[in-house]
Amino acid sequence: MSSSPLAPELAARLKRDPAGLVAAVVQQHDTGEVLMLGWMDDEALHRTLTTGRVTFWSRSRQEYWRKGDTSGHVQHVKSVSLDCDGDALLVRVDQVGAACHTGEPTCFHHELEVTA
């Protein structure tokens, strides 16, 4: 692995996919509502931990993006947790405005029918 901006202990605990990314589930800190899923590499996680604003790696655009820079719908970081396997992050935020690029409060607004 190339040099990481993260503390060595944290970098060693992360289990990245082949593209070097870890899934980041974003949750509203006070209600527990799941807002969205994004992807972070070491640099995006470092920026998130050190700036107080959530930064993701865009798999489609191949660039960093900070939630709210164009929409104004900012995510202020309250806490970040790593799961027991090291392959997912839980980012608790104070969401300003809609979390979804469609204008919906959450990206999870298409409920599927469960038949079991």
N, C-alpha and C. Protein backbone atom coordinates (compact mmCIF):
# COMPACT_ATOMS: atom_id res chain seq x y z
N MET A 1 0.84 -1.18 0.00
CA MET A 1 0.00 0.00 0.00
C MET A 1 0.89 1.25 0.00
N SER A 2 0.47 2.26 -0.76
CA SER A 2 1.23 3.50 -0.79
C SER A 2 1.04 4.25 0.53
N SER A 3 1.75 5.32 0.66
CA SER A 3 1.69 6.11 1.89
C SER A 3 0.28 6.61 2.14
N SER A 4 -0.15 6.50 3.39
CA SER A 4 -1.50 6.91 3.78
C SER A 4 -1.41 8.14 4.68
N PRO A 5 -2.35 9.08 4.53
CA PRO A 5 -2.38 10.23 5.43
C PRO A 5 -2.95 9.90 6.81
N LEU A 6 -3.47 8.68 6.96
CA LEU A 6 -4.07 8.26 8.22
C LEU A 6 -3.01 7.78 9.20
N ALA A 7 -3.34 7.78 10.46
CA ALA A 7 -2.45 7.19 11.47
C ALA A 7 -2.21 5.74 11.09
N PRO A 8 -0.98 5.24 11.25
CA PRO A 8 -0.66 3.88 10.83
C PRO A 8 -1.58 2.81 11.44
N GLU A 9 -1.99 3.00 12.70
CA GLU A 9 -2.86 2.02 13.35
C GLU A 9 -4.22 1.95 12.66
N LEU A 10 -4.77 3.10 12.27
CA LEU A 10 -6.05 3.15 11.58
C LEU A 10 -5.90 2.60 10.17
N ALA A 11 -4.90 3.03 9.46
CA ALA A 11 -4.68 2.55 8.08
C ALA A 11 -4.56 1.03 8.04
N ALA A 12 -3.91 0.46 9.05
CA ALA A 12 -3.73 -1.00 9.10
C ALA A 12 -5.04 -1.73 9.37
N ARG A 13 -5.99 -1.09 10.03
CA ARG A 13 -7.27 -1.73 10.36
C ARG A 13 -8.27 -1.72 9.20
N LEU A 14 -8.08 -0.81 8.24
CA LEU A 14 -9.03 -0.71 7.13
C LEU A 14 -8.86 -1.87 6.16
N LYS A 15 -9.99 -2.46 5.78
CA LYS A 15 -10.00 -3.50 4.74
C LYS A 15 -10.70 -2.90 3.53
N ARG A 16 -9.88 -2.50 2.57
CA ARG A 16 -10.37 -1.81 1.39
C ARG A 16 -10.75 -2.79 0.28
N ASP A 17 -11.63 -2.35 -0.61
CA ASP A 17 -11.95 -3.16 -1.79
C ASP A 17 -10.79 -3.05 -2.77
N PRO A 18 -10.84 -3.76 -3.90
CA PRO A 18 -9.71 -3.70 -4.85
C PRO A 18 -9.38 -2.30 -5.36
N ALA A 19 -10.34 -1.38 -5.30
CA ALA A 19 -10.09 0.00 -5.73
C ALA A 19 -9.55 0.86 -4.59
N GLY A 20 -9.36 0.27 -3.41
CA GLY A 20 -8.83 1.01 -2.27
C GLY A 20 -9.89 1.76 -1.48
N LEU A 21 -11.16 1.37 -1.64
CA LEU A 21 -12.26 2.08 -1.02
C LEU A 21 -12.93 1.31 0.10
N VAL A 22 -13.55 2.05 1.00
CA VAL A 22 -14.33 1.51 2.11
C VAL A 22 -15.71 2.16 2.04
N ALA A 23 -16.76 1.36 2.24
CA ALA A 23 -18.11 1.90 2.26
C ALA A 23 -18.30 2.77 3.49
N ALA A 24 -19.00 3.90 3.30
CA ALA A 24 -19.28 4.81 4.41
C ALA A 24 -20.79 5.05 4.47
N VAL A 25 -21.43 4.50 5.49
CA VAL A 25 -22.85 4.71 5.72
C VAL A 25 -22.99 6.01 6.51
N VAL A 26 -23.85 6.90 6.02
CA VAL A 26 -24.04 8.19 6.67
C VAL A 26 -25.40 8.20 7.35
N GLN A 27 -25.38 8.57 8.63
CA GLN A 27 -26.57 8.52 9.48
C GLN A 27 -26.76 9.87 10.19
N GLN A 28 -28.01 10.31 10.28
CA GLN A 28 -28.32 11.52 11.06
C GLN A 28 -28.06 11.20 12.53
N HIS A 29 -27.25 12.02 13.18
CA HIS A 29 -26.77 11.70 14.53
C HIS A 29 -27.86 11.65 15.58
N ASP A 30 -28.89 12.49 15.48
CA ASP A 30 -29.87 12.56 16.55
C ASP A 30 -31.10 11.67 16.34
N THR A 31 -31.43 11.35 15.09
CA THR A 31 -32.61 10.52 14.83
C THR A 31 -32.26 9.09 14.47
N GLY A 32 -31.03 8.85 14.04
CA GLY A 32 -30.62 7.52 13.60
C GLY A 32 -31.01 7.20 12.17
N GLU A 33 -31.66 8.13 11.47
CA GLU A 33 -32.07 7.88 10.09
C GLU A 33 -30.84 7.68 9.20
N VAL A 34 -30.87 6.62 8.39
CA VAL A 34 -29.79 6.36 7.45
C VAL A 34 -30.01 7.28 6.24
N LEU A 35 -29.02 8.08 5.92
CA LEU A 35 -29.16 9.10 4.89
C LEU A 35 -28.64 8.66 3.53
N MET A 36 -27.47 8.05 3.51
CA MET A 36 -26.85 7.71 2.23
C MET A 36 -25.67 6.77 2.44
N LEU A 37 -25.15 6.28 1.32
CA LEU A 37 -23.94 5.48 1.30
C LEU A 37 -22.97 6.14 0.35
N GLY A 38 -21.74 6.30 0.78
CA GLY A 38 -20.69 6.84 -0.07
C GLY A 38 -19.45 5.98 0.05
N TRP A 39 -18.41 6.35 -0.66
CA TRP A 39 -17.16 5.59 -0.66
C TRP A 39 -16.01 6.50 -0.28
N MET A 40 -15.11 5.96 0.53
CA MET A 40 -13.95 6.72 0.97
C MET A 40 -12.68 5.92 0.77
N ASP A 41 -11.65 6.61 0.31
CA ASP A 41 -10.31 6.05 0.37
C ASP A 41 -9.62 6.69 1.58
N ASP A 42 -8.36 6.43 1.77
CA ASP A 42 -7.66 6.95 2.95
C ASP A 42 -7.68 8.48 2.99
N GLU A 43 -7.50 9.12 1.85
CA GLU A 43 -7.48 10.58 1.81
C GLU A 43 -8.86 11.15 2.14
N ALA A 44 -9.92 10.58 1.60
CA ALA A 44 -11.28 11.06 1.90
C ALA A 44 -11.59 10.91 3.39
N LEU A 45 -11.19 9.78 3.97
CA LEU A 45 -11.41 9.58 5.40
C LEU A 45 -10.60 10.58 6.20
N HIS A 46 -9.37 10.79 5.82
CA HIS A 46 -8.52 11.77 6.50
C HIS A 46 -9.16 13.16 6.46
N ARG A 47 -9.64 13.58 5.29
CA ARG A 47 -10.29 14.89 5.16
C ARG A 47 -11.54 14.97 6.04
N THR A 48 -12.30 13.88 6.07
CA THR A 48 -13.52 13.84 6.89
C THR A 48 -13.18 13.99 8.37
N LEU A 49 -12.16 13.28 8.81
CA LEU A 49 -11.77 13.31 10.22
C LEU A 49 -11.14 14.64 10.65
N THR A 50 -10.51 15.33 9.72
CA THR A 50 -9.77 16.53 10.10
C THR A 50 -10.46 17.85 9.75
N THR A 51 -11.52 17.81 8.93
CA THR A 51 -12.19 19.06 8.55
C THR A 51 -13.57 19.22 9.17
N GLY A 52 -14.16 18.12 9.64
CA GLY A 52 -15.51 18.20 10.18
C GLY A 52 -16.60 18.19 9.13
N ARG A 53 -16.22 18.00 7.88
CA ARG A 53 -17.17 17.89 6.77
C ARG A 53 -16.90 16.57 6.06
N VAL A 54 -17.97 15.92 5.58
CA VAL A 54 -17.82 14.61 4.96
C VAL A 54 -17.29 14.75 3.54
N THR A 55 -16.22 14.02 3.24
CA THR A 55 -15.62 13.96 1.91
C THR A 55 -15.68 12.53 1.41
N PHE A 56 -16.07 12.36 0.16
CA PHE A 56 -16.17 11.04 -0.47
C PHE A 56 -15.25 10.98 -1.68
N TRP A 57 -15.04 9.75 -2.16
CA TRP A 57 -14.39 9.52 -3.45
C TRP A 57 -15.50 9.14 -4.43
N SER A 58 -15.61 9.89 -5.51
CA SER A 58 -16.60 9.59 -6.54
C SER A 58 -16.06 8.52 -7.47
N ARG A 59 -16.72 7.37 -7.46
CA ARG A 59 -16.29 6.28 -8.34
C ARG A 59 -16.56 6.61 -9.80
N SER A 60 -17.61 7.38 -10.09
CA SER A 60 -17.93 7.70 -11.48
C SER A 60 -17.05 8.82 -12.03
N ARG A 61 -16.80 9.84 -11.21
CA ARG A 61 -16.00 10.99 -11.68
C ARG A 61 -14.51 10.84 -11.37
N GLN A 62 -14.18 9.86 -10.53
CA GLN A 62 -12.78 9.64 -10.14
C GLN A 62 -12.16 10.90 -9.53
N GLU A 63 -12.91 11.49 -8.57
CA GLU A 63 -12.41 12.67 -7.88
C GLU A 63 -13.07 12.77 -6.50
N TYR A 64 -12.46 13.57 -5.64
CA TYR A 64 -13.02 13.81 -4.32
C TYR A 64 -14.19 14.78 -4.43
N TRP A 65 -15.16 14.59 -3.57
CA TRP A 65 -16.25 15.57 -3.48
C TRP A 65 -16.69 15.68 -2.04
N ARG A 66 -16.95 16.92 -1.65
CA ARG A 66 -17.38 17.20 -0.30
C ARG A 66 -18.87 17.52 -0.34
N LYS A 67 -19.63 16.74 0.41
CA LYS A 67 -21.07 16.89 0.42
C LYS A 67 -21.46 18.33 0.76
N GLY A 68 -22.26 18.94 -0.11
CA GLY A 68 -22.78 20.27 0.13
C GLY A 68 -22.04 21.39 -0.55
N ASP A 69 -20.89 21.13 -1.16
CA ASP A 69 -20.14 22.22 -1.79
C ASP A 69 -20.91 22.88 -2.92
N THR A 70 -21.70 22.12 -3.68
CA THR A 70 -22.49 22.72 -4.75
C THR A 70 -23.95 22.90 -4.37
N SER A 71 -24.49 22.00 -3.55
CA SER A 71 -25.92 22.04 -3.19
C SER A 71 -26.22 22.87 -1.96
N GLY A 72 -25.22 23.05 -1.11
CA GLY A 72 -25.46 23.70 0.17
C GLY A 72 -25.98 22.75 1.24
N HIS A 73 -26.20 21.49 0.86
CA HIS A 73 -26.72 20.48 1.78
C HIS A 73 -25.55 19.78 2.48
N VAL A 74 -25.02 20.47 3.45
CA VAL A 74 -23.77 20.10 4.12
C VAL A 74 -24.00 19.01 5.15
N GLN A 75 -22.99 18.17 5.34
CA GLN A 75 -22.98 17.18 6.40
C GLN A 75 -21.86 17.54 7.38
N HIS A 76 -22.25 17.92 8.59
CA HIS A 76 -21.28 18.23 9.64
C HIS A 76 -21.04 16.97 10.45
N VAL A 77 -19.79 16.53 10.53
CA VAL A 77 -19.43 15.27 11.18
C VAL A 77 -19.57 15.39 12.69
N LYS A 78 -20.29 14.43 13.27
CA LYS A 78 -20.40 14.32 14.73
C LYS A 78 -19.52 13.19 15.25
N SER A 79 -19.45 12.07 14.51
CA SER A 79 -18.58 10.96 14.90
C SER A 79 -18.37 10.04 13.70
N VAL A 80 -17.29 9.27 13.76
CA VAL A 80 -16.99 8.26 12.74
C VAL A 80 -16.59 6.99 13.47
N SER A 81 -17.22 5.87 13.08
CA SER A 81 -16.91 4.57 13.69
C SER A 81 -16.53 3.58 12.59
N LEU A 82 -15.62 2.71 12.93
CA LEU A 82 -15.19 1.62 12.04
C LEU A 82 -15.85 0.34 12.51
N ASP A 83 -16.41 -0.45 11.59
CA ASP A 83 -17.06 -1.69 12.01
C ASP A 83 -16.03 -2.73 12.41
N CYS A 84 -16.52 -3.83 12.98
CA CYS A 84 -15.65 -4.86 13.56
C CYS A 84 -14.74 -5.52 12.53
N ASP A 85 -15.17 -5.56 11.26
CA ASP A 85 -14.35 -6.18 10.20
C ASP A 85 -13.39 -5.19 9.55
N GLY A 86 -13.58 -3.91 9.80
CA GLY A 86 -12.72 -2.89 9.19
C GLY A 86 -13.06 -2.56 7.76
N ASP A 87 -14.24 -3.03 7.29
CA ASP A 87 -14.57 -2.81 5.88
C ASP A 87 -15.73 -1.86 5.66
N ALA A 88 -16.19 -1.19 6.72
CA ALA A 88 -17.27 -0.20 6.59
C ALA A 88 -17.14 0.84 7.70
N LEU A 89 -17.57 2.04 7.36
CA LEU A 89 -17.56 3.15 8.30
C LEU A 89 -19.00 3.60 8.55
N LEU A 90 -19.25 4.06 9.76
CA LEU A 90 -20.51 4.71 10.09
C LEU A 90 -20.17 6.16 10.42
N VAL A 91 -20.69 7.07 9.61
CA VAL A 91 -20.42 8.49 9.79
C VAL A 91 -21.70 9.13 10.28
N ARG A 92 -21.69 9.59 11.53
CA ARG A 92 -22.86 10.26 12.10
C ARG A 92 -22.70 11.76 11.87
N VAL A 93 -23.75 12.37 11.31
CA VAL A 93 -23.66 13.77 10.88
C VAL A 93 -24.86 14.58 11.35
N ASP A 94 -24.70 15.88 11.26
CA ASP A 94 -25.83 16.79 11.33
C ASP A 94 -26.04 17.24 9.89
N GLN A 95 -27.09 16.72 9.27
CA GLN A 95 -27.39 17.00 7.86
C GLN A 95 -28.13 18.33 7.74
N VAL A 96 -27.65 19.19 6.87
CA VAL A 96 -28.30 20.45 6.55
C VAL A 96 -28.94 20.30 5.18
N GLY A 97 -30.27 20.34 5.11
CA GLY A 97 -30.95 20.15 3.83
C GLY A 97 -31.06 18.67 3.50
N ALA A 98 -31.35 18.40 2.23
CA ALA A 98 -31.56 17.03 1.76
C ALA A 98 -30.23 16.29 1.64
N ALA A 99 -30.24 15.01 1.97
CA ALA A 99 -29.03 14.20 1.81
C ALA A 99 -28.89 13.68 0.39
N CYS A 100 -30.01 13.43 -0.28
CA CYS A 100 -29.99 12.82 -1.61
C CYS A 100 -29.90 13.89 -2.70
N HIS A 101 -29.17 13.57 -3.76
CA HIS A 101 -29.05 14.52 -4.87
C HIS A 101 -30.38 14.76 -5.58
N THR A 102 -31.39 13.90 -5.32
CA THR A 102 -32.71 14.08 -5.92
C THR A 102 -33.56 15.09 -5.16
N GLY A 103 -33.05 15.53 -4.00
CA GLY A 103 -33.80 16.46 -3.16
C GLY A 103 -34.56 15.78 -2.04
N GLU A 104 -34.53 14.45 -2.02
CA GLU A 104 -35.16 13.69 -0.94
C GLU A 104 -34.31 13.81 0.33
N PRO A 105 -34.95 13.71 1.49
CA PRO A 105 -34.19 13.79 2.75
C PRO A 105 -33.15 12.68 2.90
N THR A 106 -33.46 11.50 2.38
CA THR A 106 -32.55 10.35 2.43
C THR A 106 -32.49 9.70 1.05
N CYS A 107 -31.39 9.04 0.77
CA CYS A 107 -31.26 8.32 -0.51
C CYS A 107 -32.08 7.03 -0.51
N PHE A 108 -32.51 6.59 0.66
CA PHE A 108 -33.24 5.33 0.79
C PHE A 108 -34.74 5.60 0.83
N HIS A 109 -35.30 6.07 -0.28
CA HIS A 109 -36.71 6.41 -0.34
C HIS A 109 -37.51 5.53 -1.31
N HIS A 110 -36.90 4.47 -1.84
CA HIS A 110 -37.59 3.52 -2.71
C HIS A 110 -37.76 2.21 -1.95
N GLU A 111 -38.85 2.11 -1.20
CA GLU A 111 -39.07 0.91 -0.39
C GLU A 111 -39.49 -0.25 -1.29
N LEU A 112 -38.87 -1.40 -1.06
CA LEU A 112 -39.17 -2.60 -1.84
C LEU A 112 -40.17 -3.47 -1.08
N GLU A 113 -40.97 -4.21 -1.82
CA GLU A 113 -41.95 -5.10 -1.21
C GLU A 113 -41.27 -6.36 -0.70
N VAL A 114 -41.53 -6.70 0.54
CA VAL A 114 -41.00 -7.92 1.15
C VAL A 114 -42.13 -8.94 1.15
N THR A 115 -41.89 -10.09 0.54
CA THR A 115 -42.96 -11.10 0.42
C THR A 115 -42.72 -12.32 1.29
N ALA A 116 -41.66 -12.35 2.00
CA ALA A 116 -41.36 -13.52 2.85
C ALA A 116 -42.09 -13.45 4.16
